[in-house]
mmCIF file of all heavy atoms, coordinates in Angstrom:
data_MODEL
# 
_entry.id   MODEL 
# 
loop_
_atom_site.group_PDB 
_atom_site.id 
_atom_site.type_symbol 
_atom_site.label_atom_id 
_atom_site.label_alt_id 
_atom_site.label_comp_id 
_atom_site.label_asym_id 
_atom_site.label_entity_id 
_atom_site.label_seq_id 
_atom_site.pdbx_PDB_ins_code 
_atom_site.Cartn_x 
_atom_site.Cartn_y 
_atom_site.Cartn_z 
_atom_site.occupancy 
_atom_site.B_iso_or_equiv 
_atom_site.pdbx_formal_charge 
_atom_site.auth_seq_id 
_atom_site.auth_comp_id 
_atom_site.auth_asym_id 
_atom_site.auth_atom_id 
_atom_site.pdbx_PDB_model_num 
ATOM 1   N N   . GLY A 1 1  ? 0.826  -1.187  0.000  1.00 0.00 ? 1  GLY A N   1 
ATOM 2   C CA  . GLY A 1 1  ? 0.000  0.000   0.000  1.00 0.00 ? 1  GLY A CA  1 
ATOM 3   C C   . GLY A 1 1  ? 0.866  1.245   0.000  1.00 0.00 ? 1  GLY A C   1 
ATOM 4   O O   . GLY A 1 1  ? 1.987  1.228   0.520  1.00 0.00 ? 1  GLY A O   1 
ATOM 5   N N   . ASN A 1 2  ? 0.355  2.325   -0.550 1.00 0.00 ? 2  ASN A N   1 
ATOM 6   C CA  . ASN A 1 2  ? 1.163  3.539   -0.700 1.00 0.00 ? 2  ASN A CA  1 
ATOM 7   C C   . ASN A 1 2  ? 1.645  4.083   0.644  1.00 0.00 ? 2  ASN A C   1 
ATOM 8   O O   . ASN A 1 2  ? 2.756  4.613   0.738  1.00 0.00 ? 2  ASN A O   1 
ATOM 9   C CB  . ASN A 1 2  ? 0.361  4.612   -1.426 1.00 0.00 ? 2  ASN A CB  1 
ATOM 10  C CG  . ASN A 1 2  ? 0.191  4.299   -2.903 1.00 0.00 ? 2  ASN A CG  1 
ATOM 11  O OD1 . ASN A 1 2  ? 1.002  3.589   -3.485 1.00 0.00 ? 2  ASN A OD1 1 
ATOM 12  N ND2 . ASN A 1 2  ? -0.860 4.804   -3.501 1.00 0.00 ? 2  ASN A ND2 1 
ATOM 13  N N   . SER A 1 3  ? 0.848  3.945   1.670  1.00 0.00 ? 3  SER A N   1 
ATOM 14  C CA  . SER A 1 3  ? 1.202  4.547   2.954  1.00 0.00 ? 3  SER A CA  1 
ATOM 15  C C   . SER A 1 3  ? 2.314  3.802   3.685  1.00 0.00 ? 3  SER A C   1 
ATOM 16  O O   . SER A 1 3  ? 2.860  4.333   4.656  1.00 0.00 ? 3  SER A O   1 
ATOM 17  C CB  . SER A 1 3  ? -0.041 4.622   3.843  1.00 0.00 ? 3  SER A CB  1 
ATOM 18  O OG  . SER A 1 3  ? -0.534 3.323   4.116  1.00 0.00 ? 3  SER A OG  1 
ATOM 19  N N   . VAL A 1 4  ? 2.647  2.605   3.242  1.00 0.00 ? 4  VAL A N   1 
ATOM 20  C CA  . VAL A 1 4  ? 3.663  1.816   3.946  1.00 0.00 ? 4  VAL A CA  1 
ATOM 21  C C   . VAL A 1 4  ? 4.894  1.536   3.088  1.00 0.00 ? 4  VAL A C   1 
ATOM 22  O O   . VAL A 1 4  ? 5.865  0.951   3.584  1.00 0.00 ? 4  VAL A O   1 
ATOM 23  C CB  . VAL A 1 4  ? 3.086  0.485   4.471  1.00 0.00 ? 4  VAL A CB  1 
ATOM 24  C CG1 . VAL A 1 4  ? 1.846  0.742   5.326  1.00 0.00 ? 4  VAL A CG1 1 
ATOM 25  C CG2 . VAL A 1 4  ? 2.788  -0.480  3.350  1.00 0.00 ? 4  VAL A CG2 1 
ATOM 26  N N   . LYS A 1 5  ? 4.865  1.917   1.833  1.00 0.00 ? 5  LYS A N   1 
ATOM 27  C CA  . LYS A 1 5  ? 6.009  1.664   0.961  1.00 0.00 ? 5  LYS A CA  1 
ATOM 28  C C   . LYS A 1 5  ? 7.273  2.290   1.530  1.00 0.00 ? 5  LYS A C   1 
ATOM 29  O O   . LYS A 1 5  ? 7.277  3.439   1.965  1.00 0.00 ? 5  LYS A O   1 
ATOM 30  C CB  . LYS A 1 5  ? 5.738  2.234   -0.433 1.00 0.00 ? 5  LYS A CB  1 
ATOM 31  C CG  . LYS A 1 5  ? 4.808  1.392   -1.270 1.00 0.00 ? 5  LYS A CG  1 
ATOM 32  C CD  . LYS A 1 5  ? 4.604  2.021   -2.652 1.00 0.00 ? 5  LYS A CD  1 
ATOM 33  C CE  . LYS A 1 5  ? 3.658  1.192   -3.489 1.00 0.00 ? 5  LYS A CE  1 
ATOM 34  N NZ  . LYS A 1 5  ? 3.393  1.808   -4.811 1.00 0.00 ? 5  LYS A NZ  1 
ATOM 35  N N   . GLY A 1 6  ? 8.336  1.504   1.516  1.00 0.00 ? 6  GLY A N   1 
ATOM 36  C CA  . GLY A 1 6  ? 9.602  1.978   2.025  1.00 0.00 ? 6  GLY A CA  1 
ATOM 37  C C   . GLY A 1 6  ? 9.777  1.806   3.529  1.00 0.00 ? 6  GLY A C   1 
ATOM 38  O O   . GLY A 1 6  ? 10.877 1.970   4.052  1.00 0.00 ? 6  GLY A O   1 
ATOM 39  N N   . ARG A 1 7  ? 8.694  1.483   4.238  1.00 0.00 ? 7  ARG A N   1 
ATOM 40  C CA  . ARG A 1 7  ? 8.780  1.286   5.689  1.00 0.00 ? 7  ARG A CA  1 
ATOM 41  C C   . ARG A 1 7  ? 8.481  -0.160  6.086  1.00 0.00 ? 7  ARG A C   1 
ATOM 42  O O   . ARG A 1 7  ? 9.043  -0.662  7.051  1.00 0.00 ? 7  ARG A O   1 
ATOM 43  C CB  . ARG A 1 7  ? 7.800  2.213   6.402  1.00 0.00 ? 7  ARG A CB  1 
ATOM 44  C CG  . ARG A 1 7  ? 8.061  3.688   6.173  1.00 0.00 ? 7  ARG A CG  1 
ATOM 45  C CD  . ARG A 1 7  ? 7.173  4.549   7.081  1.00 0.00 ? 7  ARG A CD  1 
ATOM 46  N NE  . ARG A 1 7  ? 5.763  4.362   6.806  1.00 0.00 ? 7  ARG A NE  1 
ATOM 47  C CZ  . ARG A 1 7  ? 4.869  3.976   7.717  1.00 0.00 ? 7  ARG A CZ  1 
ATOM 48  N NH1 . ARG A 1 7  ? 5.262  3.738   8.976  1.00 0.00 ? 7  ARG A NH1 1 
ATOM 49  N NH2 . ARG A 1 7  ? 3.595  3.844   7.399  1.00 0.00 ? 7  ARG A NH2 1 
ATOM 50  N N   . PHE A 1 8  ? 7.576  -0.799  5.382  1.00 0.00 ? 8  PHE A N   1 
ATOM 51  C CA  . PHE A 1 8  ? 7.167  -2.167  5.699  1.00 0.00 ? 8  PHE A CA  1 
ATOM 52  C C   . PHE A 1 8  ? 7.731  -3.127  4.663  1.00 0.00 ? 8  PHE A C   1 
ATOM 53  O O   . PHE A 1 8  ? 7.861  -2.788  3.478  1.00 0.00 ? 8  PHE A O   1 
ATOM 54  C CB  . PHE A 1 8  ? 5.645  -2.285  5.699  1.00 0.00 ? 8  PHE A CB  1 
ATOM 55  C CG  . PHE A 1 8  ? 4.939  -1.577  6.824  1.00 0.00 ? 8  PHE A CG  1 
ATOM 56  C CD1 . PHE A 1 8  ? 5.598  -0.679  7.660  1.00 0.00 ? 8  PHE A CD1 1 
ATOM 57  C CD2 . PHE A 1 8  ? 3.599  -1.810  7.053  1.00 0.00 ? 8  PHE A CD2 1 
ATOM 58  C CE1 . PHE A 1 8  ? 4.943  -0.027  8.684  1.00 0.00 ? 8  PHE A CE1 1 
ATOM 59  C CE2 . PHE A 1 8  ? 2.915  -1.173  8.073  1.00 0.00 ? 8  PHE A CE2 1 
ATOM 60  C CZ  . PHE A 1 8  ? 3.590  -0.270  8.885  1.00 0.00 ? 8  PHE A CZ  1 
ATOM 61  N N   . THR A 1 9  ? 8.015  -4.346  5.118  1.00 0.00 ? 9  THR A N   1 
ATOM 62  C CA  . THR A 1 9  ? 8.501  -5.393  4.223  1.00 0.00 ? 9  THR A CA  1 
ATOM 63  C C   . THR A 1 9  ? 7.774  -6.690  4.532  1.00 0.00 ? 9  THR A C   1 
ATOM 64  O O   . THR A 1 9  ? 7.750  -7.137  5.684  1.00 0.00 ? 9  THR A O   1 
ATOM 65  C CB  . THR A 1 9  ? 10.008 -5.610  4.383  1.00 0.00 ? 9  THR A CB  1 
ATOM 66  O OG1 . THR A 1 9  ? 10.701 -4.384  4.137  1.00 0.00 ? 9  THR A OG1 1 
ATOM 67  C CG2 . THR A 1 9  ? 10.496 -6.671  3.405  1.00 0.00 ? 9  THR A CG2 1 
ATOM 68  N N   . ILE A 1 10 ? 7.196  -7.288  3.510  1.00 0.00 ? 10 ILE A N   1 
ATOM 69  C CA  . ILE A 1 10 ? 6.553  -8.586  3.659  1.00 0.00 ? 10 ILE A CA  1 
ATOM 70  C C   . ILE A 1 10 ? 7.499  -9.660  3.141  1.00 0.00 ? 10 ILE A C   1 
ATOM 71  O O   . ILE A 1 10 ? 8.203  -9.461  2.147  1.00 0.00 ? 10 ILE A O   1 
ATOM 72  C CB  . ILE A 1 10 ? 5.192  -8.636  2.920  1.00 0.00 ? 10 ILE A CB  1 
ATOM 73  C CG1 . ILE A 1 10 ? 4.436  -9.914  3.249  1.00 0.00 ? 10 ILE A CG1 1 
ATOM 74  C CG2 . ILE A 1 10 ? 5.373  -8.454  1.420  1.00 0.00 ? 10 ILE A CG2 1 
ATOM 75  C CD1 . ILE A 1 10 ? 2.990  -9.920  2.731  1.00 0.00 ? 10 ILE A CD1 1 
ATOM 76  N N   . SER A 1 11 ? 7.532  -10.772 3.849  1.00 0.00 ? 11 SER A N   1 
ATOM 77  C CA  . SER A 1 11 ? 8.385  -11.885 3.428  1.00 0.00 ? 11 SER A CA  1 
ATOM 78  C C   . SER A 1 11 ? 7.721  -13.188 3.868  1.00 0.00 ? 11 SER A C   1 
ATOM 79  O O   . SER A 1 11 ? 6.751  -13.174 4.617  1.00 0.00 ? 11 SER A O   1 
ATOM 80  C CB  . SER A 1 11 ? 9.778  -11.756 4.039  1.00 0.00 ? 11 SER A CB  1 
ATOM 81  O OG  . SER A 1 11 ? 9.708  -11.793 5.448  1.00 0.00 ? 11 SER A OG  1 
ATOM 82  N N   . ARG A 1 12 ? 8.290  -14.296 3.378  1.00 0.00 ? 12 ARG A N   1 
ATOM 83  C CA  . ARG A 1 12 ? 7.688  -15.566 3.766  1.00 0.00 ? 12 ARG A CA  1 
ATOM 84  C C   . ARG A 1 12 ? 8.756  -16.636 3.969  1.00 0.00 ? 12 ARG A C   1 
ATOM 85  O O   . ARG A 1 12 ? 9.846  -16.536 3.427  1.00 0.00 ? 12 ARG A O   1 
ATOM 86  C CB  . ARG A 1 12 ? 6.647  -16.033 2.736  1.00 0.00 ? 12 ARG A CB  1 
ATOM 87  C CG  . ARG A 1 12 ? 7.185  -16.837 1.557  1.00 0.00 ? 12 ARG A CG  1 
ATOM 88  C CD  . ARG A 1 12 ? 7.779  -15.980 0.519  1.00 0.00 ? 12 ARG A CD  1 
ATOM 89  N NE  . ARG A 1 12 ? 7.961  -16.669 -0.748 1.00 0.00 ? 12 ARG A NE  1 
ATOM 90  C CZ  . ARG A 1 12 ? 9.094  -16.654 -1.434 1.00 0.00 ? 12 ARG A CZ  1 
ATOM 91  N NH1 . ARG A 1 12 ? 10.141 -16.031 -0.975 1.00 0.00 ? 12 ARG A NH1 1 
ATOM 92  N NH2 . ARG A 1 12 ? 9.173  -17.278 -2.588 1.00 0.00 ? 12 ARG A NH2 1 
ATOM 93  N N   . ASP A 1 13 ? 8.420  -17.604 4.775  1.00 0.00 ? 13 ASP A N   1 
ATOM 94  C CA  . ASP A 1 13 ? 9.259  -18.770 5.009  1.00 0.00 ? 13 ASP A CA  1 
ATOM 95  C C   . ASP A 1 13 ? 8.394  -19.973 4.678  1.00 0.00 ? 13 ASP A C   1 
ATOM 96  O O   . ASP A 1 13 ? 7.576  -20.403 5.484  1.00 0.00 ? 13 ASP A O   1 
ATOM 97  C CB  . ASP A 1 13 ? 9.733  -18.800 6.461  1.00 0.00 ? 13 ASP A CB  1 
ATOM 98  C CG  . ASP A 1 13 ? 10.707 -19.936 6.735  1.00 0.00 ? 13 ASP A CG  1 
ATOM 99  O OD1 . ASP A 1 13 ? 10.655 -20.961 6.007  1.00 0.00 ? 13 ASP A OD1 1 
ATOM 100 O OD2 . ASP A 1 13 ? 11.495 -19.813 7.673  1.00 0.00 ? 13 ASP A OD2 1 
ATOM 101 N N   . ASN A 1 14 ? 8.593  -20.506 3.507  1.00 0.00 ? 14 ASN A N   1 
ATOM 102 C CA  . ASN A 1 14 ? 7.742  -21.610 3.052  1.00 0.00 ? 14 ASN A CA  1 
ATOM 103 C C   . ASN A 1 14 ? 7.841  -22.824 3.968  1.00 0.00 ? 14 ASN A C   1 
ATOM 104 O O   . ASN A 1 14 ? 6.857  -23.510 4.208  1.00 0.00 ? 14 ASN A O   1 
ATOM 105 C CB  . ASN A 1 14 ? 8.112  -22.008 1.628  1.00 0.00 ? 14 ASN A CB  1 
ATOM 106 C CG  . ASN A 1 14 ? 7.717  -20.967 0.613  1.00 0.00 ? 14 ASN A CG  1 
ATOM 107 O OD1 . ASN A 1 14 ? 6.978  -20.030 0.922  1.00 0.00 ? 14 ASN A OD1 1 
ATOM 108 N ND2 . ASN A 1 14 ? 8.197  -21.106 -0.599 1.00 0.00 ? 14 ASN A ND2 1 
ATOM 109 N N   . ALA A 1 15 ? 9.028  -23.090 4.462  1.00 0.00 ? 15 ALA A N   1 
ATOM 110 C CA  . ALA A 1 15 ? 9.227  -24.269 5.303  1.00 0.00 ? 15 ALA A CA  1 
ATOM 111 C C   . ALA A 1 15 ? 8.428  -24.183 6.600  1.00 0.00 ? 15 ALA A C   1 
ATOM 112 O O   . ALA A 1 15 ? 8.069  -25.206 7.185  1.00 0.00 ? 15 ALA A O   1 
ATOM 113 C CB  . ALA A 1 15 ? 10.702 -24.448 5.603  1.00 0.00 ? 15 ALA A CB  1 
ATOM 114 N N   . LYS A 1 16 ? 8.158  -22.963 7.034  1.00 0.00 ? 16 LYS A N   1 
ATOM 115 C CA  . LYS A 1 16 ? 7.429  -22.763 8.287  1.00 0.00 ? 16 LYS A CA  1 
ATOM 116 C C   . LYS A 1 16 ? 5.983  -22.337 8.065  1.00 0.00 ? 16 LYS A C   1 
ATOM 117 O O   . LYS A 1 16 ? 5.276  -22.018 9.025  1.00 0.00 ? 16 LYS A O   1 
ATOM 118 C CB  . LYS A 1 16 ? 8.145  -21.714 9.149  1.00 0.00 ? 16 LYS A CB  1 
ATOM 119 C CG  . LYS A 1 16 ? 9.531  -22.125 9.585  1.00 0.00 ? 16 LYS A CG  1 
ATOM 120 C CD  . LYS A 1 16 ? 10.168 -21.049 10.462 1.00 0.00 ? 16 LYS A CD  1 
ATOM 121 C CE  . LYS A 1 16 ? 11.547 -21.478 10.931 1.00 0.00 ? 16 LYS A CE  1 
ATOM 122 N NZ  . LYS A 1 16 ? 12.200 -20.442 11.773 1.00 0.00 ? 16 LYS A NZ  1 
ATOM 123 N N   . ASN A 1 17 ? 5.544  -22.310 6.821  1.00 0.00 ? 17 ASN A N   1 
ATOM 124 C CA  . ASN A 1 17 ? 4.173  -21.867 6.512  1.00 0.00 ? 17 ASN A CA  1 
ATOM 125 C C   . ASN A 1 17 ? 3.876  -20.499 7.115  1.00 0.00 ? 17 ASN A C   1 
ATOM 126 O O   . ASN A 1 17 ? 2.779  -20.248 7.612  1.00 0.00 ? 17 ASN A O   1 
ATOM 127 C CB  . ASN A 1 17 ? 3.139  -22.870 7.043  1.00 0.00 ? 17 ASN A CB  1 
ATOM 128 C CG  . ASN A 1 17 ? 3.305  -24.242 6.450  1.00 0.00 ? 17 ASN A CG  1 
ATOM 129 O OD1 . ASN A 1 17 ? 3.824  -24.408 5.363  1.00 0.00 ? 17 ASN A OD1 1 
ATOM 130 N ND2 . ASN A 1 17 ? 2.868  -25.251 7.181  1.00 0.00 ? 17 ASN A ND2 1 
ATOM 131 N N   . THR A 1 18 ? 4.857  -19.634 7.080  1.00 0.00 ? 18 THR A N   1 
ATOM 132 C CA  . THR A 1 18 ? 4.751  -18.369 7.801  1.00 0.00 ? 18 THR A CA  1 
ATOM 133 C C   . THR A 1 18 ? 5.038  -17.194 6.885  1.00 0.00 ? 18 THR A C   1 
ATOM 134 O O   . THR A 1 18 ? 5.956  -17.256 6.060  1.00 0.00 ? 18 THR A O   1 
ATOM 135 C CB  . THR A 1 18 ? 5.713  -18.354 9.001  1.00 0.00 ? 18 THR A CB  1 
ATOM 136 O OG1 . THR A 1 18 ? 5.344  -19.399 9.901  1.00 0.00 ? 18 THR A OG1 1 
ATOM 137 C CG2 . THR A 1 18 ? 5.662  -17.022 9.736  1.00 0.00 ? 18 THR A CG2 1 
ATOM 138 N N   . VAL A 1 19 ? 4.263  -16.142 7.062  1.00 0.00 ? 19 VAL A N   1 
ATOM 139 C CA  . VAL A 1 19 ? 4.524  -14.881 6.387  1.00 0.00 ? 19 VAL A CA  1 
ATOM 140 C C   . VAL A 1 19 ? 4.756  -13.817 7.451  1.00 0.00 ? 19 VAL A C   1 
ATOM 141 O O   . VAL A 1 19 ? 4.122  -13.846 8.511  1.00 0.00 ? 19 VAL A O   1 
ATOM 142 C CB  . VAL A 1 19 ? 3.366  -14.494 5.438  1.00 0.00 ? 19 VAL A CB  1 
ATOM 143 C CG1 . VAL A 1 19 ? 2.069  -14.286 6.200  1.00 0.00 ? 19 VAL A CG1 1 
ATOM 144 C CG2 . VAL A 1 19 ? 3.718  -13.276 4.617  1.00 0.00 ? 19 VAL A CG2 1 
ATOM 145 N N   . TYR A 1 20 ? 5.676  -12.929 7.181  1.00 0.00 ? 20 TYR A N   1 
ATOM 146 C CA  . TYR A 1 20 ? 6.062  -11.896 8.128  1.00 0.00 ? 20 TYR A CA  1 
ATOM 147 C C   . TYR A 1 20 ? 5.745  -10.511 7.565  1.00 0.00 ? 20 TYR A C   1 
ATOM 148 O O   . TYR A 1 20 ? 5.722  -10.309 6.353  1.00 0.00 ? 20 TYR A O   1 
ATOM 149 C CB  . TYR A 1 20 ? 7.556  -11.968 8.425  1.00 0.00 ? 20 TYR A CB  1 
ATOM 150 C CG  . TYR A 1 20 ? 8.019  -13.302 8.964  1.00 0.00 ? 20 TYR A CG  1 
ATOM 151 C CD1 . TYR A 1 20 ? 8.532  -14.273 8.111  1.00 0.00 ? 20 TYR A CD1 1 
ATOM 152 C CD2 . TYR A 1 20 ? 7.954  -13.574 10.328 1.00 0.00 ? 20 TYR A CD2 1 
ATOM 153 C CE1 . TYR A 1 20 ? 8.963  -15.486 8.589  1.00 0.00 ? 20 TYR A CE1 1 
ATOM 154 C CE2 . TYR A 1 20 ? 8.387  -14.788 10.822 1.00 0.00 ? 20 TYR A CE2 1 
ATOM 155 C CZ  . TYR A 1 20 ? 8.891  -15.742 9.955  1.00 0.00 ? 20 TYR A CZ  1 
ATOM 156 O OH  . TYR A 1 20 ? 9.316  -16.952 10.448 1.00 0.00 ? 20 TYR A OH  1 
ATOM 157 N N   . LEU A 1 21 ? 5.551  -9.582  8.479  1.00 0.00 ? 21 LEU A N   1 
ATOM 158 C CA  . LEU A 1 21 ? 5.443  -8.181  8.097  1.00 0.00 ? 21 LEU A CA  1 
ATOM 159 C C   . LEU A 1 21 ? 6.373  -7.394  9.012  1.00 0.00 ? 21 LEU A C   1 
ATOM 160 O O   . LEU A 1 21 ? 6.078  -7.216  10.202 1.00 0.00 ? 21 LEU A O   1 
ATOM 161 C CB  . LEU A 1 21 ? 4.014  -7.658  8.217  1.00 0.00 ? 21 LEU A CB  1 
ATOM 162 C CG  . LEU A 1 21 ? 3.811  -6.220  7.732  1.00 0.00 ? 21 LEU A CG  1 
ATOM 163 C CD1 . LEU A 1 21 ? 4.008  -6.141  6.212  1.00 0.00 ? 21 LEU A CD1 1 
ATOM 164 C CD2 . LEU A 1 21 ? 2.430  -5.698  8.120  1.00 0.00 ? 21 LEU A CD2 1 
ATOM 165 N N   . GLN A 1 22 ? 7.499  -6.978  8.465  1.00 0.00 ? 22 GLN A N   1 
ATOM 166 C CA  . GLN A 1 22 ? 8.442  -6.152  9.209  1.00 0.00 ? 22 GLN A CA  1 
ATOM 167 C C   . GLN A 1 22 ? 8.012  -4.701  9.054  1.00 0.00 ? 22 GLN A C   1 
ATOM 168 O O   . GLN A 1 22 ? 7.940  -4.189  7.933  1.00 0.00 ? 22 GLN A O   1 
ATOM 169 C CB  . GLN A 1 22 ? 9.857  -6.350  8.676  1.00 0.00 ? 22 GLN A CB  1 
ATOM 170 C CG  . GLN A 1 22 ? 10.894 -5.480  9.355  1.00 0.00 ? 22 GLN A CG  1 
ATOM 171 C CD  . GLN A 1 22 ? 11.107 -5.839  10.813 1.00 0.00 ? 22 GLN A CD  1 
ATOM 172 O OE1 . GLN A 1 22 ? 11.160 -7.013  11.158 1.00 0.00 ? 22 GLN A OE1 1 
ATOM 173 N NE2 . GLN A 1 22 ? 11.229 -4.834  11.674 1.00 0.00 ? 22 GLN A NE2 1 
ATOM 174 N N   . MET A 1 23 ? 7.746  -4.057  10.173 1.00 0.00 ? 23 MET A N   1 
ATOM 175 C CA  . MET A 1 23 ? 7.250  -2.684  10.150 1.00 0.00 ? 23 MET A CA  1 
ATOM 176 C C   . MET A 1 23 ? 8.272  -1.790  10.831 1.00 0.00 ? 23 MET A C   1 
ATOM 177 O O   . MET A 1 23 ? 8.535  -1.933  12.028 1.00 0.00 ? 23 MET A O   1 
ATOM 178 C CB  . MET A 1 23 ? 5.901  -2.602  10.871 1.00 0.00 ? 23 MET A CB  1 
ATOM 179 C CG  . MET A 1 23 ? 4.851  -3.572  10.335 1.00 0.00 ? 23 MET A CG  1 
ATOM 180 S SD  . MET A 1 23 ? 3.213  -3.352  11.053 1.00 0.00 ? 23 MET A SD  1 
ATOM 181 C CE  . MET A 1 23 ? 3.550  -3.780  12.756 1.00 0.00 ? 23 MET A CE  1 
ATOM 182 N N   . ASN A 1 24 ? 8.851  -0.896  10.066 1.00 0.00 ? 24 ASN A N   1 
ATOM 183 C CA  . ASN A 1 24 ? 9.839  0.039   10.573 1.00 0.00 ? 24 ASN A CA  1 
ATOM 184 C C   . ASN A 1 24 ? 9.302  1.464   10.536 1.00 0.00 ? 24 ASN A C   1 
ATOM 185 O O   . ASN A 1 24 ? 8.342  1.756   9.822  1.00 0.00 ? 24 ASN A O   1 
ATOM 186 C CB  . ASN A 1 24 ? 11.125 -0.053  9.745  1.00 0.00 ? 24 ASN A CB  1 
ATOM 187 C CG  . ASN A 1 24 ? 11.782 -1.409  9.824  1.00 0.00 ? 24 ASN A CG  1 
ATOM 188 O OD1 . ASN A 1 24 ? 11.679 -2.115  10.831 1.00 0.00 ? 24 ASN A OD1 1 
ATOM 189 N ND2 . ASN A 1 24 ? 12.440 -1.787  8.751  1.00 0.00 ? 24 ASN A ND2 1 
ATOM 190 N N   . SER A 1 25 ? 9.942  2.336   11.288 1.00 0.00 ? 25 SER A N   1 
ATOM 191 C CA  . SER A 1 25 ? 9.562  3.756   11.313 1.00 0.00 ? 25 SER A CA  1 
ATOM 192 C C   . SER A 1 25 ? 8.061  3.927   11.517 1.00 0.00 ? 25 SER A C   1 
ATOM 193 O O   . SER A 1 25 ? 7.388  4.662   10.785 1.00 0.00 ? 25 SER A O   1 
ATOM 194 C CB  . SER A 1 25 ? 9.999  4.438   10.012 1.00 0.00 ? 25 SER A CB  1 
ATOM 195 O OG  . SER A 1 25 ? 11.388 4.308   9.812  1.00 0.00 ? 25 SER A OG  1 
ATOM 196 N N   . LEU A 1 26 ? 7.556  3.240   12.506 1.00 0.00 ? 26 LEU A N   1 
ATOM 197 C CA  . LEU A 1 26 ? 6.118  3.259   12.732 1.00 0.00 ? 26 LEU A CA  1 
ATOM 198 C C   . LEU A 1 26 ? 5.617  4.643   13.099 1.00 0.00 ? 26 LEU A C   1 
ATOM 199 O O   . LEU A 1 26 ? 6.311  5.421   13.775 1.00 0.00 ? 26 LEU A O   1 
ATOM 200 C CB  . LEU A 1 26 ? 5.752  2.252   13.830 1.00 0.00 ? 26 LEU A CB  1 
ATOM 201 C CG  . LEU A 1 26 ? 5.726  0.794   13.349 1.00 0.00 ? 26 LEU A CG  1 
ATOM 202 C CD1 . LEU A 1 26 ? 5.810  -0.162  14.524 1.00 0.00 ? 26 LEU A CD1 1 
ATOM 203 C CD2 . LEU A 1 26 ? 4.488  0.525   12.515 1.00 0.00 ? 26 LEU A CD2 1 
ATOM 204 N N   . LYS A 1 27 ? 4.403  4.931   12.649 1.00 0.00 ? 27 LYS A N   1 
ATOM 205 C CA  . LYS A 1 27 ? 3.761  6.215   12.895 1.00 0.00 ? 27 LYS A CA  1 
ATOM 206 C C   . LYS A 1 27 ? 2.448  5.995   13.642 1.00 0.00 ? 27 LYS A C   1 
ATOM 207 O O   . LYS A 1 27 ? 1.860  4.911   13.540 1.00 0.00 ? 27 LYS A O   1 
ATOM 208 C CB  . LYS A 1 27 ? 3.464  6.911   11.559 1.00 0.00 ? 27 LYS A CB  1 
ATOM 209 C CG  . LYS A 1 27 ? 4.662  7.108   10.661 1.00 0.00 ? 27 LYS A CG  1 
ATOM 210 C CD  . LYS A 1 27 ? 4.241  7.673   9.323  1.00 0.00 ? 27 LYS A CD  1 
ATOM 211 C CE  . LYS A 1 27 ? 5.429  7.857   8.391  1.00 0.00 ? 27 LYS A CE  1 
ATOM 212 N NZ  . LYS A 1 27 ? 5.021  8.412   7.073  1.00 0.00 ? 27 LYS A NZ  1 
ATOM 213 N N   . PRO A 1 28 ? 1.966  6.992   14.350 1.00 0.00 ? 28 PRO A N   1 
ATOM 214 C CA  . PRO A 1 28 ? 0.678  6.834   15.044 1.00 0.00 ? 28 PRO A CA  1 
ATOM 215 C C   . PRO A 1 28 ? -0.448 6.411   14.095 1.00 0.00 ? 28 PRO A C   1 
ATOM 216 O O   . PRO A 1 28 ? -1.345 5.654   14.495 1.00 0.00 ? 28 PRO A O   1 
ATOM 217 C CB  . PRO A 1 28 ? 0.430  8.215   15.629 1.00 0.00 ? 28 PRO A CB  1 
ATOM 218 C CG  . PRO A 1 28 ? 1.802  8.764   15.870 1.00 0.00 ? 28 PRO A CG  1 
ATOM 219 C CD  . PRO A 1 28 ? 2.618  8.257   14.704 1.00 0.00 ? 28 PRO A CD  1 
# 
């Protein structure tokens, strides 16, 4: 989404059936 570009990163670990959302520079 436009509001999170450059701050959030989505990734996945197939072996663990897991998806992550790394959120940096969080804002209110």
